[in-house]
Amino acid sequence: MKKVPQIKQNGKIARKWGAKEGDKLLIPSPSEVNEIMKKVTERKLITINEIRAILVKKHNATITRQLTTGIFARISAEAEGARREEMYPVERNSKKLLEGEGHKI
């Protein structure tokens, strides 16, 4: 069953990140994070903040949970790695692998 992302009104935690009263806080679904990560092509990378920006734009929210997005990204990568032996795009966030592809860290 595909979990639907939740949008909540701003709470105390969101204020710490600069959200204001009435702002929309997006709690992403694992499947959406996984969907975005699968679109990363070879020699490209995506950060958690870039994933968050895509989700915020898609759902017309103000902010999204960084920790939740990061946890779902890791779970997604580990699950995908267990399914196949070839490199999954999220694994390219390793400094050594990124430098090997020509990225400057």
PDB file of N, CA and C in Angstrom:
ATOM      1  N   MET A   1       0.841  -1.180   0.000  1.00  0.00           N
ATOM      2  CA  MET A   1       0.000   0.000   0.000  1.00  0.00           C
ATOM      3  C   MET A   1       0.888   1.246   0.000  1.00  0.00           C
ATOM      4  N   LYS A   2       0.647   2.111  -0.928  1.00  0.00           N
ATOM      5  CA  LYS A   2       1.450   3.325  -1.064  1.00  0.00           C
ATOM      6  C   LYS A   2       1.007   4.363  -0.033  1.00  0.00           C
ATOM      7  N   LYS A   3       1.959   4.830   0.752  1.00  0.00           N
ATOM      8  CA  LYS A   3       1.641   5.828   1.770  1.00  0.00           C
ATOM      9  C   LYS A   3       1.599   7.218   1.143  1.00  0.00           C
ATOM     10  N   VAL A   4       0.607   7.972   1.517  1.00  0.00           N
ATOM     11  CA  VAL A   4       0.418   9.320   0.988  1.00  0.00           C
ATOM     12  C   VAL A   4       1.153  10.314   1.883  1.00  0.00           C
ATOM     13  N   PRO A   5       1.849  11.298   1.293  1.00  0.00           N
ATOM     14  CA  PRO A   5       2.523  12.298   2.129  1.00  0.00           C
ATOM     15  C   PRO A   5       1.506  13.124   2.910  1.00  0.00           C
ATOM     16  N   GLN A   6       1.921  13.596   4.052  1.00  0.00           N
ATOM     17  CA  GLN A   6       1.042  14.406   4.889  1.00  0.00           C
ATOM     18  C   GLN A   6       1.490  15.866   4.851  1.00  0.00           C
ATOM     19  N   ILE A   7       0.519  16.760   4.867  1.00  0.00           N
ATOM     20  CA  ILE A   7       0.827  18.185   4.989  1.00  0.00           C
ATOM     21  C   ILE A   7       0.147  18.672   6.258  1.00  0.00           C
ATOM     22  N   LYS A   8       0.937  19.215   7.159  1.00  0.00           N
ATOM     23  CA  LYS A   8       0.416  19.695   8.437  1.00  0.00           C
ATOM     24  C   LYS A   8       0.688  21.183   8.572  1.00  0.00           C
ATOM     25  N   GLN A   9      -0.087  21.825   9.411  1.00  0.00           N
ATOM     26  CA  GLN A   9       0.174  23.224   9.714  1.00  0.00           C
ATOM     27  C   GLN A   9       1.405  23.298  10.600  1.00  0.00           C
ATOM     28  N   ASN A  10       2.097  24.397  10.508  1.00  0.00           N
ATOM     29  CA  ASN A  10       3.349  24.623  11.215  1.00  0.00           C
ATOM     30  C   ASN A  10       3.231  24.349  12.715  1.00  0.00           C
ATOM     31  N   GLY A  11       4.224  23.667  13.250  1.00  0.00           N
ATOM     32  CA  GLY A  11       4.312  23.410  14.682  1.00  0.00           C
ATOM     33  C   GLY A  11       5.592  24.007  15.244  1.00  0.00           C
ATOM     34  N   LYS A  12       5.888  23.709  16.494  1.00  0.00           N
ATOM     35  CA  LYS A  12       7.071  24.265  17.157  1.00  0.00           C
ATOM     36  C   LYS A  12       8.365  23.883  16.448  1.00  0.00           C
ATOM     37  N   ILE A  13       8.478  22.631  16.032  1.00  0.00           N
ATOM     38  CA  ILE A  13       9.716  22.178  15.386  1.00  0.00           C
ATOM     39  C   ILE A  13       9.949  22.933  14.088  1.00  0.00           C
ATOM     40  N   ALA A  14       8.909  23.103  13.292  1.00  0.00           N
ATOM     41  CA  ALA A  14       9.051  23.789  12.004  1.00  0.00           C
ATOM     42  C   ALA A  14       9.504  25.231  12.200  1.00  0.00           C
ATOM     43  N   ARG A  15       9.124  25.860  13.293  1.00  0.00           N
ATOM     44  CA  ARG A  15       9.546  27.245  13.548  1.00  0.00           C
ATOM     45  C   ARG A  15      11.062  27.329  13.710  1.00  0.00           C
ATOM     46  N   LYS A  16      11.656  26.275  14.232  1.00  0.00           N
ATOM     47  CA  LYS A  16      13.113  26.248  14.387  1.00  0.00           C
ATOM     48  C   LYS A  16      13.808  26.316  13.032  1.00  0.00           C
ATOM     49  N   TRP A  17      13.135  25.869  11.978  1.00  0.00           N
ATOM     50  CA  TRP A  17      13.705  25.866  10.632  1.00  0.00           C
ATOM     51  C   TRP A  17      13.336  27.113   9.852  1.00  0.00           C
ATOM     52  N   GLY A  18      12.674  28.068  10.500  1.00  0.00           N
ATOM     53  CA  GLY A  18      12.337  29.312   9.827  1.00  0.00           C
ATOM     54  C   GLY A  18      10.929  29.381   9.278  1.00  0.00           C
ATOM     55  N   ALA A  19      10.112  28.364   9.531  1.00  0.00           N
ATOM     56  CA  ALA A  19       8.723  28.394   9.066  1.00  0.00           C
ATOM     57  C   ALA A  19       7.926  29.356   9.947  1.00  0.00           C
ATOM     58  N   LYS A  20       6.902  29.928   9.355  1.00  0.00           N
ATOM     59  CA  LYS A  20       6.069  30.902  10.067  1.00  0.00           C
ATOM     60  C   LYS A  20       4.682  30.320  10.321  1.00  0.00           C
ATOM     61  N   GLU A  21       3.913  30.994  11.141  1.00  0.00           N
ATOM     62  CA  GLU A  21       2.545  30.583  11.447  1.00  0.00           C
ATOM     63  C   GLU A  21       1.750  30.415  10.154  1.00  0.00           C
ATOM     64  N   GLY A  22       1.093  29.287  10.007  1.00  0.00           N
ATOM     65  CA  GLY A  22       0.277  29.039   8.823  1.00  0.00           C
ATOM     66  C   GLY A  22       1.013  28.374   7.673  1.00  0.00           C
ATOM     67  N   ASP A  23       2.350  28.251   7.775  1.00  0.00           N
ATOM     68  CA  ASP A  23       3.111  27.564   6.729  1.00  0.00           C
ATOM     69  C   ASP A  23       2.752  26.080   6.711  1.00  0.00           C
ATOM     70  N   LYS A  24       2.933  25.462   5.549  1.00  0.00           N
ATOM     71  CA  LYS A  24       2.617  24.042   5.400  1.00  0.00           C
ATOM     72  C   LYS A  24       3.885  23.202   5.533  1.00  0.00           C
ATOM     73  N   LEU A  25       3.857  22.239   6.446  1.00  0.00           N
ATOM     74  CA  LEU A  25       4.972  21.327   6.685  1.00  0.00           C
ATOM     75  C   LEU A  25       4.653  20.003   6.004  1.00  0.00           C
ATOM     76  N   LEU A  26       5.478  19.594   5.051  1.00  0.00           N
ATOM     77  CA  LEU A  26       5.277  18.340   4.332  1.00  0.00           C
ATOM     78  C   LEU A  26       6.065  17.225   5.001  1.00  0.00           C
ATOM     79  N   ILE A  27       5.393  16.133   5.282  1.00  0.00           N
ATOM     80  CA  ILE A  27       6.056  14.919   5.744  1.00  0.00           C
ATOM     81  C   ILE A  27       5.978  13.954   4.568  1.00  0.00           C
ATOM     82  N   PRO A  28       7.096  13.743   3.859  1.00  0.00           N
ATOM     83  CA  PRO A  28       7.056  12.965   2.620  1.00  0.00           C
ATOM     84  C   PRO A  28       6.792  11.484   2.862  1.00  0.00           C
ATOM     85  N   SER A  29       6.389  10.809   1.802  1.00  0.00           N
ATOM     86  CA  SER A  29       6.217   9.356   1.878  1.00  0.00           C
ATOM     87  C   SER A  29       7.500   8.690   1.379  1.00  0.00           C
ATOM     88  N   PRO A  30       7.815   7.508   1.882  1.00  0.00           N
ATOM     89  CA  PRO A  30       9.015   6.802   1.427  1.00  0.00           C
ATOM     90  C   PRO A  30       9.001   6.543  -0.078  1.00  0.00           C
ATOM     91  N   SER A  31       7.840   6.228  -0.615  1.00  0.00           N
ATOM     92  CA  SER A  31       7.767   5.913  -2.048  1.00  0.00           C
ATOM     93  C   SER A  31       8.085   7.127  -2.913  1.00  0.00           C
ATOM     94  N   GLU A  32       7.703   8.316  -2.468  1.00  0.00           N
ATOM     95  CA  GLU A  32       8.014   9.522  -3.245  1.00  0.00           C
ATOM     96  C   GLU A  32       9.514   9.821  -3.235  1.00  0.00           C
ATOM     97  N   VAL A  33      10.139   9.645  -2.087  1.00  0.00           N
ATOM     98  CA  VAL A  33      11.584   9.862  -1.996  1.00  0.00           C
ATOM     99  C   VAL A  33      12.294   8.857  -2.904  1.00  0.00           C
ATOM    100  N   ASN A  34      11.858   7.613  -2.864  1.00  0.00           N
ATOM    101  CA  ASN A  34      12.440   6.570  -3.705  1.00  0.00           C
ATOM    102  C   ASN A  34      12.265   6.896  -5.187  1.00  0.00           C
ATOM    103  N   GLU A  35      11.099   7.374  -5.552  1.00  0.00           N
ATOM    104  CA  GLU A  35      10.800   7.733  -6.946  1.00  0.00           C
ATOM    105  C   GLU A  35      11.773   8.801  -7.462  1.00  0.00           C
ATOM    106  N   ILE A  36      12.034   9.806  -6.655  1.00  0.00           N
ATOM    107  CA  ILE A  36      12.950  10.886  -7.043  1.00  0.00           C
ATOM    108  C   ILE A  36      14.372  10.344  -7.177  1.00  0.00           C
ATOM    109  N   MET A  37      14.782   9.522  -6.230  1.00  0.00           N
ATOM    110  CA  MET A  37      16.146   8.992  -6.246  1.00  0.00           C
ATOM    111  C   MET A  37      16.406   8.110  -7.460  1.00  0.00           C
ATOM    112  N   LYS A  38      15.409   7.389  -7.910  1.00  0.00           N
ATOM    113  CA  LYS A  38      15.581   6.503  -9.067  1.00  0.00           C
ATOM    114  C   LYS A  38      15.799   7.283 -10.359  1.00  0.00           C
ATOM    115  N   LYS A  39      15.458   8.555 -10.365  1.00  0.00           N
ATOM    116  CA  LYS A  39      15.620   9.376 -11.565  1.00  0.00           C
ATOM    117  C   LYS A  39      17.036   9.942 -11.716  1.00  0.00           C
ATOM    118  N   VAL A  40      17.872   9.750 -10.705  1.00  0.00           N
ATOM    119  CA  VAL A  40      19.245  10.264 -10.754  1.00  0.00           C
ATOM    120  C   VAL A  40      20.052   9.402 -11.724  1.00  0.00           C
ATOM    121  N   THR A  41      20.609  10.044 -12.735  1.00  0.00           N
ATOM    122  CA  THR A  41      21.374   9.313 -13.744  1.00  0.00           C
ATOM    123  C   THR A  41      22.845   9.218 -13.348  1.00  0.00           C
ATOM    124  N   GLU A  42      23.564   8.356 -14.037  1.00  0.00           N
ATOM    125  CA  GLU A  42      24.986   8.187 -13.758  1.00  0.00           C
ATOM    126  C   GLU A  42      25.727   9.503 -13.990  1.00  0.00           C
ATOM    127  N   ARG A  43      26.739   9.749 -13.186  1.00  0.00           N
ATOM    128  CA  ARG A  43      27.558  10.967 -13.200  1.00  0.00           C
ATOM    129  C   ARG A  43      26.782  12.177 -12.675  1.00  0.00           C
ATOM    130  N   LYS A  44      25.644  11.952 -12.079  1.00  0.00           N
ATOM    131  CA  LYS A  44      24.851  13.012 -11.452  1.00  0.00           C
ATOM    132  C   LYS A  44      24.654  12.643  -9.989  1.00  0.00           C
ATOM    133  N   LEU A  45      24.330  13.623  -9.177  1.00  0.00           N
ATOM    134  CA  LEU A  45      24.022  13.361  -7.783  1.00  0.00           C
ATOM    135  C   LEU A  45      22.891  14.270  -7.343  1.00  0.00           C
ATOM    136  N   ILE A  46      22.265  13.882  -6.261  1.00  0.00           N
ATOM    137  CA  ILE A  46      21.189  14.692  -5.698  1.00  0.00           C
ATOM    138  C   ILE A  46      21.366  14.696  -4.185  1.00  0.00           C
ATOM    139  N   THR A  47      21.137  15.837  -3.581  1.00  0.00           N
ATOM    140  CA  THR A  47      21.267  15.958  -2.131  1.00  0.00           C
ATOM    141  C   THR A  47      19.890  15.847  -1.488  1.00  0.00           C
ATOM    142  N   ILE A  48      19.887  15.639  -0.190  1.00  0.00           N
ATOM    143  CA  ILE A  48      18.623  15.579   0.548  1.00  0.00           C
ATOM    144  C   ILE A  48      17.876  16.902   0.384  1.00  0.00           C
ATOM    145  N   ASN A  49      18.595  18.026   0.429  1.00  0.00           N
ATOM    146  CA  ASN A  49      17.930  19.323   0.269  1.00  0.00           C
ATOM    147  C   ASN A  49      17.316  19.484  -1.114  1.00  0.00           C
ATOM    148  N   GLU A  50      17.952  18.919  -2.144  1.00  0.00           N
ATOM    149  CA  GLU A  50      17.366  18.984  -3.489  1.00  0.00           C
ATOM    150  C   GLU A  50      16.112  18.111  -3.573  1.00  0.00           C
ATOM    151  N   ILE A  51      16.149  16.959  -2.924  1.00  0.00           N
ATOM    152  CA  ILE A  51      14.955  16.105  -2.873  1.00  0.00           C
ATOM    153  C   ILE A  51      13.836  16.852  -2.159  1.00  0.00           C
ATOM    154  N   ARG A  52      14.169  17.504  -1.058  1.00  0.00           N
ATOM    155  CA  ARG A  52      13.170  18.264  -0.297  1.00  0.00           C
ATOM    156  C   ARG A  52      12.563  19.381  -1.142  1.00  0.00           C
ATOM    157  N   ALA A  53      13.398  20.077  -1.912  1.00  0.00           N
ATOM    158  CA  ALA A  53      12.901  21.171  -2.760  1.00  0.00           C
ATOM    159  C   ALA A  53      11.925  20.646  -3.811  1.00  0.00           C
ATOM    160  N   ILE A  54      12.227  19.495  -4.388  1.00  0.00           N
ATOM    161  CA  ILE A  54      11.330  18.890  -5.379  1.00  0.00           C
ATOM    162  C   ILE A  54       9.989  18.551  -4.736  1.00  0.00           C
ATOM    163  N   LEU A  55      10.030  17.974  -3.538  1.00  0.00           N
ATOM    164  CA  LEU A  55       8.802  17.592  -2.842  1.00  0.00           C
ATOM    165  C   LEU A  55       7.962  18.803  -2.442  1.00  0.00           C
ATOM    166  N   VAL A  56       8.625  19.847  -1.953  1.00  0.00           N
ATOM    167  CA  VAL A  56       7.912  21.066  -1.556  1.00  0.00           C
ATOM    168  C   VAL A  56       7.185  21.672  -2.753  1.00  0.00           C
ATOM    169  N   LYS A  57       7.877  21.724  -3.881  1.00  0.00           N
ATOM    170  CA  LYS A  57       7.278  22.289  -5.090  1.00  0.00           C
ATOM    171  C   LYS A  57       6.100  21.429  -5.565  1.00  0.00           C
ATOM    172  N   LYS A  58       6.284  20.122  -5.546  1.00  0.00           N
ATOM    173  CA  LYS A  58       5.245  19.202  -6.018  1.00  0.00           C
ATOM    174  C   LYS A  58       3.964  19.318  -5.194  1.00  0.00           C
ATOM    175  N   HIS A  59       4.107  19.502  -3.886  1.00  0.00           N
ATOM    176  CA  HIS A  59       2.946  19.515  -2.992  1.00  0.00           C
ATOM    177  C   HIS A  59       2.536  20.912  -2.531  1.00  0.00           C
ATOM    178  N   ASN A  60       3.168  21.929  -3.099  1.00  0.00           N
ATOM    179  CA  ASN A  60       2.840  23.309  -2.738  1.00  0.00           C
ATOM    180  C   ASN A  60       2.909  23.528  -1.221  1.00  0.00           C
ATOM    181  N   ALA A  61       3.969  23.007  -0.621  1.00  0.00           N
ATOM    182  CA  ALA A  61       4.192  23.176   0.813  1.00  0.00           C
ATOM    183  C   ALA A  61       5.254  24.252   1.016  1.00  0.00           C
ATOM    184  N   THR A  62       5.503  24.625   2.254  1.00  0.00           N
ATOM    185  CA  THR A  62       6.507  25.633   2.566  1.00  0.00           C
ATOM    186  C   THR A  62       7.839  24.996   2.929  1.00  0.00           C
ATOM    187  N   ILE A  63       7.774  23.893   3.650  1.00  0.00           N
ATOM    188  CA  ILE A  63       8.979  23.244   4.161  1.00  0.00           C
ATOM    189  C   ILE A  63       8.705  21.751   4.281  1.00  0.00           C
ATOM    190  N   THR A  64       9.754  20.958   4.267  1.00  0.00           N
ATOM    191  CA  THR A  64       9.611  19.519   4.481  1.00  0.00           C
ATOM    192  C   THR A  64      10.636  19.051   5.498  1.00  0.00           C
ATOM    193  N   ARG A  65      10.349  17.951   6.142  1.00  0.00           N
ATOM    194  CA  ARG A  65      11.214  17.423   7.187  1.00  0.00           C
ATOM    195  C   ARG A  65      12.506  16.876   6.611  1.00  0.00           C
ATOM    196  N   GLN A  66      13.637  17.456   6.996  1.00  0.00           N
ATOM    197  CA  GLN A  66      14.940  17.013   6.506  1.00  0.00           C
ATOM    198  C   GLN A  66      15.278  15.619   7.034  1.00  0.00           C
ATOM    199  N   LEU A  67      15.067  15.398   8.302  1.00  0.00           N
ATOM    200  CA  LEU A  67      15.400  14.115   8.912  1.00  0.00           C
ATOM    201  C   LEU A  67      14.580  12.984   8.297  1.00  0.00           C
ATOM    202  N   THR A  68      13.283  13.203   8.156  1.00  0.00           N
ATOM    203  CA  THR A  68      12.407  12.183   7.579  1.00  0.00           C
ATOM    204  C   THR A  68      12.818  11.867   6.147  1.00  0.00           C
ATOM    205  N   THR A  69      13.100  12.899   5.368  1.00  0.00           N
ATOM    206  CA  THR A  69      13.523  12.697   3.979  1.00  0.00           C
ATOM    207  C   THR A  69      14.822  11.904   3.935  1.00  0.00           C
ATOM    208  N   GLY A  70      15.762  12.239   4.803  1.00  0.00           N
ATOM    209  CA  GLY A  70      17.034  11.528   4.855  1.00  0.00           C
ATOM    210  C   GLY A  70      16.883  10.068   5.259  1.00  0.00           C
ATOM    211  N   ILE A  71      16.024   9.816   6.221  1.00  0.00           N
ATOM    212  CA  ILE A  71      15.776   8.436   6.655  1.00  0.00           C
ATOM    213  C   ILE A  71      15.179   7.625   5.514  1.00  0.00           C
ATOM    214  N   PHE A  72      14.196   8.203   4.822  1.00  0.00           N
ATOM    215  CA  PHE A  72      13.563   7.488   3.713  1.00  0.00           C
ATOM    216  C   PHE A  72      14.545   7.268   2.568  1.00  0.00           C
ATOM    217  N   ALA A  73      15.452   8.208   2.347  1.00  0.00           N
ATOM    218  CA  ALA A  73      16.465   8.045   1.302  1.00  0.00           C
ATOM    219  C   ALA A  73      17.390   6.875   1.645  1.00  0.00           C
ATOM    220  N   ARG A  74      17.780   6.790   2.888  1.00  0.00           N
ATOM    221  CA  ARG A  74      18.659   5.680   3.298  1.00  0.00           C
ATOM    222  C   ARG A  74      17.945   4.334   3.202  1.00  0.00           C
ATOM    223  N   ILE A  75      16.714   4.279   3.681  1.00  0.00           N
ATOM    224  CA  ILE A  75      15.946   3.032   3.600  1.00  0.00           C
ATOM    225  C   ILE A  75      15.788   2.604   2.150  1.00  0.00           C
ATOM    226  N   SER A  76      15.490   3.563   1.303  1.00  0.00           N
ATOM    227  CA  SER A  76      15.312   3.290  -0.122  1.00  0.00           C
ATOM    228  C   SER A  76      16.592   2.730  -0.736  1.00  0.00           C
ATOM    229  N   ALA A  77      17.712   3.339  -0.403  1.00  0.00           N
ATOM    230  CA  ALA A  77      19.001   2.897  -0.944  1.00  0.00           C
ATOM    231  C   ALA A  77      19.347   1.494  -0.466  1.00  0.00           C
ATOM    232  N   GLU A  78      19.123   1.237   0.808  1.00  0.00           N
ATOM    233  CA  GLU A  78      19.434  -0.084   1.343  1.00  0.00           C
ATOM    234  C   GLU A  78      18.534  -1.157   0.742  1.00  0.00           C
ATOM    235  N   ALA A  79      17.263  -0.848   0.570  1.00  0.00           N
ATOM    236  CA  ALA A  79      16.333  -1.808  -0.026  1.00  0.00           C
ATOM    237  C   ALA A  79      16.710  -2.088  -1.475  1.00  0.00           C
ATOM    238  N   GLU A  80      17.050  -1.055  -2.200  1.00  0.00           N
ATOM    239  CA  GLU A  80      17.431  -1.226  -3.602  1.00  0.00           C
ATOM    240  C   GLU A  80      18.737  -2.001  -3.709  1.00  0.00           C
ATOM    241  N   GLY A  81      19.675  -1.715  -2.834  1.00  0.00           N
ATOM    242  CA  GLY A  81      20.947  -2.429  -2.846  1.00  0.00           C
ATOM    243  C   GLY A  81      20.767  -3.910  -2.554  1.00  0.00           C
ATOM    244  N   ALA A  82      19.790  -4.246  -1.726  1.00  0.00           N
ATOM    245  CA  ALA A  82      19.513  -5.645  -1.418  1.00  0.00           C
ATOM    246  C   ALA A  82      18.884  -6.360  -2.615  1.00  0.00           C
ATOM    247  N   ARG A  83      18.181  -5.612  -3.463  1.00  0.00           N
ATOM    248  CA  ARG A  83      17.502  -6.212  -4.616  1.00  0.00           C
ATOM    249  C   ARG A  83      18.439  -6.476  -5.785  1.00  0.00           C
ATOM    250  N   ARG A  84      19.462  -5.667  -5.925  1.00  0.00           N
ATOM    251  CA  ARG A  84      20.359  -5.862  -7.069  1.00  0.00           C
ATOM    252  C   ARG A  84      21.789  -5.500  -6.696  1.00  0.00           C
ATOM    253  N   GLU A  85      22.711  -6.032  -7.442  1.00  0.00           N
ATOM    254  CA  GLU A  85      24.118  -5.843  -7.109  1.00  0.00           C
ATOM    255  C   GLU A  85      24.708  -4.583  -7.724  1.00  0.00           C
ATOM    256  N   GLU A  86      24.156  -4.118  -8.824  1.00  0.00           N
ATOM    257  CA  GLU A  86      24.731  -2.936  -9.462  1.00  0.00           C
ATOM    258  C   GLU A  86      24.483  -1.687  -8.624  1.00  0.00           C
ATOM    259  N   MET A  87      25.248  -0.644  -8.876  1.00  0.00           N
ATOM    260  CA  MET A  87      25.173   0.578  -8.084  1.00  0.00           C
ATOM    261  C   MET A  87      23.848   1.301  -8.293  1.00  0.00           C
ATOM    262  N   TYR A  88      23.261   1.704  -7.214  1.00  0.00           N
ATOM    263  CA  TYR A  88      22.030   2.485  -7.205  1.00  0.00           C
ATOM    264  C   TYR A  88      22.442   3.947  -7.042  1.00  0.00           C
ATOM    265  N   PRO A  89      21.798   4.880  -7.722  1.00  0.00           N
ATOM    266  CA  PRO A  89      22.260   6.273  -7.708  1.00  0.00           C
ATOM    267  C   PRO A  89      22.557   6.861  -6.335  1.00  0.00           C
ATOM    268  N   VAL A  90      21.790   6.536  -5.321  1.00  0.00           N
ATOM    269  CA  VAL A  90      22.012   7.162  -4.018  1.00  0.00           C
ATOM    270  C   VAL A  90      23.358   6.760  -3.428  1.00  0.00           C
ATOM    271  N   GLU A  91      23.900   5.635  -3.826  1.00  0.00           N
ATOM    272  CA  GLU A  91      25.187   5.209  -3.298  1.00  0.00           C
ATOM    273  C   GLU A  91      26.319   6.119  -3.760  1.00  0.00           C
ATOM    274  N   ARG A  92      26.045   6.960  -4.736  1.00  0.00           N
ATOM    275  CA  ARG A  92      27.080   7.865  -5.219  1.00  0.00           C
ATOM    276  C   ARG A  92      27.257   9.072  -4.301  1.00  0.00           C
ATOM    277  N   ASN A  93      26.617   9.070  -3.138  1.00  0.00           N
ATOM    278  CA  ASN A  93      26.862  10.166  -2.208  1.00  0.00           C
ATOM    279  C   ASN A  93      28.085   9.889  -1.345  1.00  0.00           C
ATOM    280  N   SER A  94      28.695   8.724  -1.520  1.00  0.00           N
ATOM    281  CA  SER A  94      29.937   8.402  -0.838  1.00  0.00           C
ATOM    282  C   SER A  94      31.047   9.289  -1.404  1.00  0.00           C
ATOM    283  N   LYS A  95      31.806   9.918  -0.538  1.00  0.00           N
ATOM    284  CA  LYS A  95      32.850  10.852  -0.967  1.00  0.00           C
ATOM    285  C   LYS A  95      33.816  10.208  -1.958  1.00  0.00           C
ATOM    286  N   LYS A  96      34.264   9.003  -1.672  1.00  0.00           N
ATOM    287  CA  LYS A  96      35.221   8.325  -2.541  1.00  0.00           C
ATOM    288  C   LYS A  96      34.621   8.086  -3.927  1.00  0.00           C
ATOM    289  N   LEU A  97      33.382   7.613  -3.972  1.00  0.00           N
ATOM    290  CA  LEU A  97      32.736   7.357  -5.258  1.00  0.00           C
ATOM    291  C   LEU A  97      32.504   8.651  -6.029  1.00  0.00           C
ATOM    292  N   LEU A  98      32.091   9.697  -5.329  1.00  0.00           N
ATOM    293  CA  LEU A  98      31.846  10.979  -5.991  1.00  0.00           C
ATOM    294  C   LEU A  98      33.136  11.544  -6.576  1.00  0.00           C
ATOM    295  N   GLU A  99      34.206  11.491  -5.796  1.00  0.00           N
ATOM    296  CA  GLU A  99      35.489  11.989  -6.299  1.00  0.00           C
ATOM    297  C   GLU A  99      35.961  11.160  -7.490  1.00  0.00           C
ATOM    298  N   GLY A 100      35.690   9.855  -7.457  1.00  0.00           N
ATOM    299  CA  GLY A 100      36.048   8.984  -8.565  1.00  0.00           C
ATOM    300  C   GLY A 100      35.304   9.324  -9.848  1.00  0.00           C
ATOM    301  N   GLU A 101      34.129   9.933  -9.710  1.00  0.00           N
ATOM    302  CA  GLU A 101      33.340  10.350 -10.869  1.00  0.00           C
ATOM    303  C   GLU A 101      33.684  11.770 -11.306  1.00  0.00           C
ATOM    304  N   GLY A 102      34.635  12.398 -10.614  1.00  0.00           N
ATOM    305  CA  GLY A 102      35.072  13.723 -11.024  1.00  0.00           C
ATOM    306  C   GLY A 102      34.454  14.878 -10.258  1.00  0.00           C
ATOM    307  N   HIS A 103      33.648  14.591  -9.230  1.00  0.00           N
ATOM    308  CA  HIS A 103      33.055  15.660  -8.426  1.00  0.00           C
ATOM    309  C   HIS A 103      34.074  16.160  -7.414  1.00  0.00           C
ATOM    310  N   LYS A 104      34.081  17.453  -7.143  1.00  0.00           N
ATOM    311  CA  LYS A 104      34.973  18.012  -6.126  1.00  0.00           C
ATOM    312  C   LYS A 104      34.198  18.151  -4.831  1.00  0.00           C
ATOM    313  N   ILE A 105      34.728  17.586  -3.773  1.00  0.00           N
ATOM    314  CA  ILE A 105      34.059  17.583  -2.472  1.00  0.00           C
ATOM    315  C   ILE A 105      34.783  18.535  -1.538  1.00  0.00           C
TER     316      ILE A 105
END
